[in-house]
Amino acid sequence: MLAAHADRERAVDVLRAGFAEGRLPQGEYERRIERAYQARTVGELSVLVADLPQGPVPQQSFPQAYVPQTFRPVPLPPDPTNGKAVGALVCGVASVFTWGLTGIPALVLGHVARREIRRQGGQGDGMAVAGIVLGWLSVAGWVLFAVLMIALVGGSSG
């Protein structure tokens, strides 16, 4: 079916609303507006607005058509998990089995990982925090052990 001027204006209104809502970058918005004014059929217009909500503007329902890859959103890859955060968690958990010897590496790796995550983004902040907590617990265990040993040695010589 051939598109009327009113059909083109309705499609442009949907594109304007999509741009105003931040759903379209400016370059894509301008390309779609240009194509909307050049469209000859209602089907061409429906392709241009198929991935946008039709909003409060009264629209005749366009038949759902194939949306070209050009107008589909590009899926973003997930942020990678920080390797130092994983290392901090592993060292923190291992401190239970190594009598606290991996507690200090857990602390160092955890703090470095959190700094990198804040600067560069990524995932793993919870693992870094868990490594830091377990590292501090192992350091506190060693301090408590040293205090008890000093108290026992000091108490037995008095």
C-alpha atoms as a PDB file:
ATOM      1  CA  MET A   1       0.000   0.000   0.000  1.00  0.00           C
ATOM      2  CA  LEU A   2       1.374   3.430  -0.904  1.00  0.00           C
ATOM      3  CA  ALA A   3       2.244   5.723   1.985  1.00  0.00           C
ATOM      4  CA  ALA A   4       0.464   9.036   2.397  1.00  0.00           C
ATOM      5  CA  HIS A   5       2.083  12.183   3.757  1.00  0.00           C
ATOM      6  CA  ALA A   6       0.263  11.614   7.065  1.00  0.00           C
ATOM      7  CA  ASP A   7       1.772   8.109   7.320  1.00  0.00           C
ATOM      8  CA  ARG A   8       5.256   9.542   6.855  1.00  0.00           C
ATOM      9  CA  GLU A   9       4.620  12.213   9.498  1.00  0.00           C
ATOM     10  CA  ARG A  10       3.401   9.587  11.998  1.00  0.00           C
ATOM     11  CA  ALA A  11       6.547   7.528  11.413  1.00  0.00           C
ATOM     12  CA  VAL A  12       8.712  10.641  11.834  1.00  0.00           C
ATOM     13  CA  ASP A  13       6.889  11.418  15.103  1.00  0.00           C
ATOM     14  CA  VAL A  14       7.738   7.934  16.396  1.00  0.00           C
ATOM     15  CA  LEU A  15      11.370   8.419  15.357  1.00  0.00           C
ATOM     16  CA  ARG A  16      11.501  11.818  17.092  1.00  0.00           C
ATOM     17  CA  ALA A  17      10.095  10.297  20.279  1.00  0.00           C
ATOM     18  CA  GLY A  18      12.620   7.459  20.089  1.00  0.00           C
ATOM     19  CA  PHE A  19      15.461   9.942  19.643  1.00  0.00           C
ATOM     20  CA  ALA A  20      14.196  12.150  22.496  1.00  0.00           C
ATOM     21  CA  GLU A  21      14.010   9.107  24.790  1.00  0.00           C
ATOM     22  CA  GLY A  22      17.596   8.158  23.925  1.00  0.00           C
ATOM     23  CA  ARG A  23      16.649   5.020  22.020  1.00  0.00           C
ATOM     24  CA  LEU A  24      18.348   6.183  18.808  1.00  0.00           C
ATOM     25  CA  PRO A  25      21.774   7.785  18.347  1.00  0.00           C
ATOM     26  CA  GLN A  26      21.745  10.968  16.303  1.00  0.00           C
ATOM     27  CA  GLY A  27      23.325   9.475  13.168  1.00  0.00           C
ATOM     28  CA  GLU A  28      20.814   6.627  13.009  1.00  0.00           C
ATOM     29  CA  TYR A  29      17.959   9.027  13.755  1.00  0.00           C
ATOM     30  CA  GLU A  30      18.955  11.254  10.826  1.00  0.00           C
ATOM     31  CA  ARG A  31      19.290   8.266   8.472  1.00  0.00           C
ATOM     32  CA  ARG A  32      15.863   6.950   9.434  1.00  0.00           C
ATOM     33  CA  ILE A  33      14.215  10.387   9.042  1.00  0.00           C
ATOM     34  CA  GLU A  34      15.702  10.682   5.558  1.00  0.00           C
ATOM     35  CA  ARG A  35      14.478   7.194   4.648  1.00  0.00           C
ATOM     36  CA  ALA A  36      11.024   7.953   6.109  1.00  0.00           C
ATOM     37  CA  TYR A  37      10.569  10.966   3.827  1.00  0.00           C
ATOM     38  CA  GLN A  38      11.747   8.891   0.850  1.00  0.00           C
ATOM     39  CA  ALA A  39       9.534   5.885   1.669  1.00  0.00           C
ATOM     40  CA  ARG A  40       6.924   5.030  -0.933  1.00  0.00           C
ATOM     41  CA  THR A  41       5.014   2.299   0.925  1.00  0.00           C
ATOM     42  CA  VAL A  42       3.590   1.749   4.384  1.00  0.00           C
ATOM     43  CA  GLY A  43       5.773  -1.379   4.643  1.00  0.00           C
ATOM     44  CA  GLU A  44       8.950   0.681   4.262  1.00  0.00           C
ATOM     45  CA  LEU A  45       7.760   2.968   7.063  1.00  0.00           C
ATOM     46  CA  SER A  46       6.941   0.030   9.328  1.00  0.00           C
ATOM     47  CA  VAL A  47      10.504  -1.270   8.985  1.00  0.00           C
ATOM     48  CA  LEU A  48      11.845   2.089  10.143  1.00  0.00           C
ATOM     49  CA  VAL A  49       9.787   2.158  13.362  1.00  0.00           C
ATOM     50  CA  ALA A  50       9.404  -1.569  14.087  1.00  0.00           C
ATOM     51  CA  ASP A  51      11.945  -1.607  16.938  1.00  0.00           C
ATOM     52  CA  LEU A  52      10.561   1.524  18.643  1.00  0.00           C
ATOM     53  CA  PRO A  53       7.552   1.803  20.960  1.00  0.00           C
ATOM     54  CA  GLN A  54       4.675   3.437  19.130  1.00  0.00           C
ATOM     55  CA  GLY A  55       3.978   5.752  22.092  1.00  0.00           C
ATOM     56  CA  PRO A  56       0.919   7.919  22.673  1.00  0.00           C
ATOM     57  CA  VAL A  57       0.842   9.101  19.042  1.00  0.00           C
ATOM     58  CA  PRO A  58      -2.170   7.496  17.359  1.00  0.00           C
ATOM     59  CA  GLN A  59      -0.786   5.009  14.873  1.00  0.00           C
ATOM     60  CA  GLN A  60      -2.347   2.715  12.425  1.00  0.00           C
ATOM     61  CA  SER A  61      -0.903  -0.676  13.120  1.00  0.00           C
ATOM     62  CA  PHE A  62       1.690  -1.507  10.532  1.00  0.00           C
ATOM     63  CA  PRO A  63       2.111  -5.159   9.712  1.00  0.00           C
ATOM     64  CA  GLN A  64       5.171  -6.562  11.404  1.00  0.00           C
ATOM     65  CA  ALA A  65       7.869  -6.880   8.833  1.00  0.00           C
ATOM     66  CA  TYR A  66      11.403  -8.146   8.778  1.00  0.00           C
ATOM     67  CA  VAL A  67      13.746  -5.659  10.488  1.00  0.00           C
ATOM     68  CA  PRO A  68      17.116  -5.455   8.724  1.00  0.00           C
ATOM     69  CA  GLN A  69      20.232  -6.103  10.794  1.00  0.00           C
ATOM     70  CA  THR A  70      21.193  -2.445  10.272  1.00  0.00           C
ATOM     71  CA  PHE A  71      18.424  -1.310  12.602  1.00  0.00           C
ATOM     72  CA  ARG A  72      18.690  -4.019  15.235  1.00  0.00           C
ATOM     73  CA  PRO A  73      20.473  -3.166  18.474  1.00  0.00           C
ATOM     74  CA  VAL A  74      23.996  -4.483  18.788  1.00  0.00           C
ATOM     75  CA  PRO A  75      24.334  -6.730  21.845  1.00  0.00           C
ATOM     76  CA  LEU A  76      27.201  -5.643  24.045  1.00  0.00           C
ATOM     77  CA  PRO A  77      29.568  -8.297  25.343  1.00  0.00           C
ATOM     78  CA  PRO A  78      29.447  -8.692  29.124  1.00  0.00           C
ATOM     79  CA  ASP A  79      32.223  -7.097  31.109  1.00  0.00           C
ATOM     80  CA  PRO A  80      34.907  -9.651  31.902  1.00  0.00           C
ATOM     81  CA  THR A  81      35.515 -10.730  35.479  1.00  0.00           C
ATOM     82  CA  ASN A  82      38.707  -9.277  36.902  1.00  0.00           C
ATOM     83  CA  GLY A  83      41.295 -12.044  37.290  1.00  0.00           C
ATOM     84  CA  LYS A  84      42.814 -10.478  40.390  1.00  0.00           C
ATOM     85  CA  ALA A  85      39.396 -10.575  42.074  1.00  0.00           C
ATOM     86  CA  VAL A  86      39.179 -14.307  41.381  1.00  0.00           C
ATOM     87  CA  GLY A  87      42.718 -14.694  42.741  1.00  0.00           C
ATOM     88  CA  ALA A  88      41.808 -12.748  45.885  1.00  0.00           C
ATOM     89  CA  LEU A  89      38.846 -15.014  46.547  1.00  0.00           C
ATOM     90  CA  VAL A  90      40.877 -18.179  45.915  1.00  0.00           C
ATOM     91  CA  CYS A  91      43.684 -16.979  48.226  1.00  0.00           C
ATOM     92  CA  GLY A  92      41.139 -15.972  50.876  1.00  0.00           C
ATOM     93  CA  VAL A  93      39.448 -19.370  50.815  1.00  0.00           C
ATOM     94  CA  ALA A  94      42.815 -21.126  50.690  1.00  0.00           C
ATOM     95  CA  SER A  95      43.942 -19.248  53.830  1.00  0.00           C
ATOM     96  CA  VAL A  96      41.707 -21.609  55.820  1.00  0.00           C
ATOM     97  CA  PHE A  97      43.680 -24.592  54.518  1.00  0.00           C
ATOM     98  CA  THR A  98      47.141 -22.968  54.555  1.00  0.00           C
ATOM     99  CA  TRP A  99      46.901 -21.748  58.145  1.00  0.00           C
ATOM    100  CA  GLY A 100      46.580 -18.147  56.956  1.00  0.00           C
ATOM    101  CA  LEU A 101      49.663 -18.034  54.732  1.00  0.00           C
ATOM    102  CA  THR A 102      47.641 -16.890  51.716  1.00  0.00           C
ATOM    103  CA  GLY A 103      45.848 -14.154  53.691  1.00  0.00           C
ATOM    104  CA  ILE A 104      48.229 -11.345  52.747  1.00  0.00           C
ATOM    105  CA  PRO A 105      48.167 -12.197  49.026  1.00  0.00           C
ATOM    106  CA  ALA A 106      44.351 -12.203  49.296  1.00  0.00           C
ATOM    107  CA  LEU A 107      44.466  -8.689  50.769  1.00  0.00           C
ATOM    108  CA  VAL A 108      46.839  -7.350  48.131  1.00  0.00           C
ATOM    109  CA  LEU A 109      44.989  -8.945  45.211  1.00  0.00           C
ATOM    110  CA  GLY A 110      41.622  -7.826  46.556  1.00  0.00           C
ATOM    111  CA  HIS A 111      42.624  -4.181  46.921  1.00  0.00           C
ATOM    112  CA  VAL A 112      44.329  -4.100  43.512  1.00  0.00           C
ATOM    113  CA  ALA A 113      41.298  -5.757  41.884  1.00  0.00           C
ATOM    114  CA  ARG A 114      38.861  -3.261  43.422  1.00  0.00           C
ATOM    115  CA  ARG A 115      40.984  -0.345  42.201  1.00  0.00           C
ATOM    116  CA  GLU A 116      41.104  -1.808  38.665  1.00  0.00           C
ATOM    117  CA  ILE A 117      37.348  -2.467  38.667  1.00  0.00           C
ATOM    118  CA  ARG A 118      36.628   1.129  39.702  1.00  0.00           C
ATOM    119  CA  ARG A 119      38.954   2.535  37.018  1.00  0.00           C
ATOM    120  CA  GLN A 120      38.356   0.212  34.079  1.00  0.00           C
ATOM    121  CA  GLY A 121      35.016  -1.387  34.865  1.00  0.00           C
ATOM    122  CA  GLY A 122      34.385  -5.082  34.863  1.00  0.00           C
ATOM    123  CA  GLN A 123      32.904  -7.578  37.231  1.00  0.00           C
ATOM    124  CA  GLY A 124      34.186  -9.291  40.338  1.00  0.00           C
ATOM    125  CA  ASP A 125      33.897  -6.615  43.011  1.00  0.00           C
ATOM    126  CA  GLY A 126      32.105  -9.021  45.363  1.00  0.00           C
ATOM    127  CA  MET A 127      34.848 -11.615  44.934  1.00  0.00           C
ATOM    128  CA  ALA A 128      37.486  -8.973  45.674  1.00  0.00           C
ATOM    129  CA  VAL A 129      35.650  -7.899  48.842  1.00  0.00           C
ATOM    130  CA  ALA A 130      35.291 -11.519  49.974  1.00  0.00           C
ATOM    131  CA  GLY A 131      39.036 -12.029  49.437  1.00  0.00           C
ATOM    132  CA  ILE A 132      39.797  -8.900  51.460  1.00  0.00           C
ATOM    133  CA  VAL A 133      37.540  -9.992  54.331  1.00  0.00           C
ATOM    134  CA  LEU A 134      39.012 -13.497  54.434  1.00  0.00           C
ATOM    135  CA  GLY A 135      42.527 -12.042  54.213  1.00  0.00           C
ATOM    136  CA  TRP A 136      41.888  -9.740  57.165  1.00  0.00           C
ATOM    137  CA  LEU A 137      40.418 -12.628  59.149  1.00  0.00           C
ATOM    138  CA  SER A 138      43.561 -14.694  58.583  1.00  0.00           C
ATOM    139  CA  VAL A 139      45.802 -11.750  59.534  1.00  0.00           C
ATOM    140  CA  ALA A 140      43.697 -11.210  62.660  1.00  0.00           C
ATOM    141  CA  GLY A 141      44.071 -14.923  63.463  1.00  0.00           C
ATOM    142  CA  TRP A 142      47.845 -14.673  63.217  1.00  0.00           C
ATOM    143  CA  VAL A 143      47.874 -11.538  65.399  1.00  0.00           C
ATOM    144  CA  LEU A 144      45.689 -13.273  67.986  1.00  0.00           C
ATOM    145  CA  PHE A 145      47.982 -16.310  67.868  1.00  0.00           C
ATOM    146  CA  ALA A 146      51.062 -14.083  68.399  1.00  0.00           C
ATOM    147  CA  VAL A 147      49.430 -12.261  71.332  1.00  0.00           C
ATOM    148  CA  LEU A 148      48.466 -15.562  72.961  1.00  0.00           C
ATOM    149  CA  MET A 149      51.980 -16.939  72.504  1.00  0.00           C
ATOM    150  CA  ILE A 150      53.526 -13.809  74.009  1.00  0.00           C
ATOM    151  CA  ALA A 151      51.075 -13.959  76.912  1.00  0.00           C
ATOM    152  CA  LEU A 152      51.850 -17.655  77.508  1.00  0.00           C
ATOM    153  CA  VAL A 153      55.621 -17.187  77.284  1.00  0.00           C
ATOM    154  CA  GLY A 154      55.479 -14.036  79.425  1.00  0.00           C
ATOM    155  CA  GLY A 155      53.178 -15.685  81.964  1.00  0.00           C
ATOM    156  CA  SER A 156      55.283 -18.843  82.352  1.00  0.00           C
ATOM    157  CA  SER A 157      58.551 -16.969  82.960  1.00  0.00           C
ATOM    158  CA  GLY A 158      57.055 -14.720  85.722  1.00  0.00           C
END
